[in-house]
Amino acid sequence: MLLIRCPWCGPREEVEFRYGGQAHIAFPADPEALSDAAWGEWLFHRDNPKGAFRERWVHSAGCRRWFNARRDTVTHEIAATYVGTEPGA
């Protein structure tokens, strides 16, 4: 079982968490100017690297807060977790 460290609750089992996608995605500066194709690109196309990746997680069975994690997509090792307002660990 994978242990994920919630920044507020400490280490918990992975079943308490839900994945929320790629972290640090900026909202478009002028959304009214985007075409449908550009919106589709922004909504659905994310990075899918092999190796270190920054992700969003929610502690759904605990404090229900969102946070970010730096996880290796090959080994699933979580190197760091941090509050979403921090620039990244």
C-alpha atoms as a PDB file:
ATOM      1  CA  MET A   1       0.000   0.000   0.000  1.00  0.00           C
ATOM      2  CA  LEU A   2       1.214   3.475  -0.881  1.00  0.00           C
ATOM      3  CA  LEU A   3       1.450   6.002   1.947  1.00  0.00           C
ATOM      4  CA  ILE A   4       0.678   9.591   1.016  1.00  0.00           C
ATOM      5  CA  ARG A   5       1.622  12.397   3.386  1.00  0.00           C
ATOM      6  CA  CYS A   6      -1.187  14.929   3.725  1.00  0.00           C
ATOM      7  CA  PRO A   7       0.330  18.334   4.649  1.00  0.00           C
ATOM      8  CA  TRP A   8      -2.308  18.695   7.402  1.00  0.00           C
ATOM      9  CA  CYS A   9      -3.015  15.122   8.617  1.00  0.00           C
ATOM     10  CA  GLY A  10       0.315  13.383   8.076  1.00  0.00           C
ATOM     11  CA  PRO A  11       0.906  10.006   6.369  1.00  0.00           C
ATOM     12  CA  ARG A  12      -2.232   8.064   5.428  1.00  0.00           C
ATOM     13  CA  GLU A  13      -3.048   5.099   3.184  1.00  0.00           C
ATOM     14  CA  GLU A  14      -3.672   5.826  -0.489  1.00  0.00           C
ATOM     15  CA  VAL A  15      -7.342   4.756  -0.297  1.00  0.00           C
ATOM     16  CA  GLU A  16      -8.071   8.010   1.600  1.00  0.00           C
ATOM     17  CA  PHE A  17      -7.023  10.150  -1.389  1.00  0.00           C
ATOM     18  CA  ARG A  18      -8.235  10.962  -4.895  1.00  0.00           C
ATOM     19  CA  TYR A  19      -6.083  12.040  -7.802  1.00  0.00           C
ATOM     20  CA  GLY A  20      -6.805  15.473  -9.254  1.00  0.00           C
ATOM     21  CA  GLY A  21      -4.584  15.745 -12.321  1.00  0.00           C
ATOM     22  CA  GLN A  22      -1.562  17.820 -13.214  1.00  0.00           C
ATOM     23  CA  ALA A  23      -0.576  20.611 -10.817  1.00  0.00           C
ATOM     24  CA  HIS A  24       0.379  24.205 -11.640  1.00  0.00           C
ATOM     25  CA  ILE A  25      -1.906  24.635 -14.670  1.00  0.00           C
ATOM     26  CA  ALA A  26      -2.566  28.327 -15.243  1.00  0.00           C
ATOM     27  CA  PHE A  27      -6.065  29.423 -16.257  1.00  0.00           C
ATOM     28  CA  PRO A  28      -6.070  31.155 -19.683  1.00  0.00           C
ATOM     29  CA  ALA A  29      -5.492  34.912 -19.426  1.00  0.00           C
ATOM     30  CA  ASP A  30      -8.274  35.721 -21.910  1.00  0.00           C
ATOM     31  CA  PRO A  31     -10.713  32.789 -22.004  1.00  0.00           C
ATOM     32  CA  GLU A  32     -13.177  34.670 -24.228  1.00  0.00           C
ATOM     33  CA  ALA A  33     -10.575  34.767 -27.003  1.00  0.00           C
ATOM     34  CA  LEU A  34     -10.021  30.993 -27.095  1.00  0.00           C
ATOM     35  CA  SER A  35     -11.453  28.927 -29.915  1.00  0.00           C
ATOM     36  CA  ASP A  36     -13.226  25.651 -29.219  1.00  0.00           C
ATOM     37  CA  ALA A  37     -10.097  23.776 -30.280  1.00  0.00           C
ATOM     38  CA  ALA A  38      -7.942  25.847 -27.916  1.00  0.00           C
ATOM     39  CA  TRP A  39     -10.394  25.225 -25.045  1.00  0.00           C
ATOM     40  CA  GLY A  40     -10.281  21.504 -25.791  1.00  0.00           C
ATOM     41  CA  GLU A  41      -6.498  21.609 -25.738  1.00  0.00           C
ATOM     42  CA  TRP A  42      -6.467  23.446 -22.390  1.00  0.00           C
ATOM     43  CA  LEU A  43      -9.115  21.214 -20.774  1.00  0.00           C
ATOM     44  CA  PHE A  44      -8.042  17.773 -21.891  1.00  0.00           C
ATOM     45  CA  HIS A  45      -4.382  17.706 -22.914  1.00  0.00           C
ATOM     46  CA  ARG A  46      -1.931  17.368 -20.059  1.00  0.00           C
ATOM     47  CA  ASP A  47       1.662  16.294 -19.735  1.00  0.00           C
ATOM     48  CA  ASN A  48       2.241  12.578 -19.213  1.00  0.00           C
ATOM     49  CA  PRO A  49       5.963  12.286 -18.469  1.00  0.00           C
ATOM     50  CA  LYS A  50       7.940   9.272 -17.453  1.00  0.00           C
ATOM     51  CA  GLY A  51       9.575  10.246 -14.159  1.00  0.00           C
ATOM     52  CA  ALA A  52       9.048  13.184 -11.805  1.00  0.00           C
ATOM     53  CA  PHE A  53       5.642  14.845 -12.129  1.00  0.00           C
ATOM     54  CA  ARG A  54       3.722  17.413 -10.065  1.00  0.00           C
ATOM     55  CA  GLU A  55       0.126  16.410  -9.327  1.00  0.00           C
ATOM     56  CA  ARG A  56      -2.962  17.568  -7.402  1.00  0.00           C
ATOM     57  CA  TRP A  57      -4.470  15.308  -4.742  1.00  0.00           C
ATOM     58  CA  VAL A  58      -7.394  15.655  -2.341  1.00  0.00           C
ATOM     59  CA  HIS A  59      -7.604  13.970   1.067  1.00  0.00           C
ATOM     60  CA  SER A  60     -11.195  12.904   0.434  1.00  0.00           C
ATOM     61  CA  ALA A  61     -11.533  10.594   3.466  1.00  0.00           C
ATOM     62  CA  GLY A  62      -9.787  12.978   5.844  1.00  0.00           C
ATOM     63  CA  CYS A  63      -9.512  16.751   5.990  1.00  0.00           C
ATOM     64  CA  ARG A  64     -10.885  17.118   2.400  1.00  0.00           C
ATOM     65  CA  ARG A  65      -8.185  19.614   1.482  1.00  0.00           C
ATOM     66  CA  TRP A  66      -6.345  19.810  -1.820  1.00  0.00           C
ATOM     67  CA  PHE A  67      -2.560  19.694  -2.000  1.00  0.00           C
ATOM     68  CA  ASN A  68       0.187  19.042  -4.528  1.00  0.00           C
ATOM     69  CA  ALA A  69       2.644  16.166  -4.694  1.00  0.00           C
ATOM     70  CA  ARG A  70       5.815  15.452  -6.639  1.00  0.00           C
ATOM     71  CA  ARG A  71       5.573  11.790  -7.664  1.00  0.00           C
ATOM     72  CA  ASP A  72       7.677   9.555  -9.891  1.00  0.00           C
ATOM     73  CA  THR A  73       5.309   8.059 -12.465  1.00  0.00           C
ATOM     74  CA  VAL A  74       7.535   5.004 -12.941  1.00  0.00           C
ATOM     75  CA  THR A  75       8.154   3.973  -9.326  1.00  0.00           C
ATOM     76  CA  HIS A  76       5.108   5.769  -7.803  1.00  0.00           C
ATOM     77  CA  GLU A  77       7.414   7.128  -5.084  1.00  0.00           C
ATOM     78  CA  ILE A  78       6.147  10.415  -3.677  1.00  0.00           C
ATOM     79  CA  ALA A  79       9.162  12.655  -3.096  1.00  0.00           C
ATOM     80  CA  ALA A  80       7.242  15.552  -1.521  1.00  0.00           C
ATOM     81  CA  THR A  81       3.788  16.895  -0.764  1.00  0.00           C
ATOM     82  CA  TYR A  82       3.045  20.577  -0.298  1.00  0.00           C
ATOM     83  CA  VAL A  83       0.209  23.071   0.014  1.00  0.00           C
ATOM     84  CA  GLY A  84      -1.098  24.237  -3.362  1.00  0.00           C
ATOM     85  CA  THR A  85      -0.183  27.864  -2.658  1.00  0.00           C
ATOM     86  CA  GLU A  86       3.524  26.948  -2.450  1.00  0.00           C
ATOM     87  CA  PRO A  87       5.507  27.170  -5.713  1.00  0.00           C
ATOM     88  CA  GLY A  88       6.570  23.525  -5.645  1.00  0.00           C
ATOM     89  CA  ALA A  89       8.836  21.201  -3.776  1.00  0.00           C
END
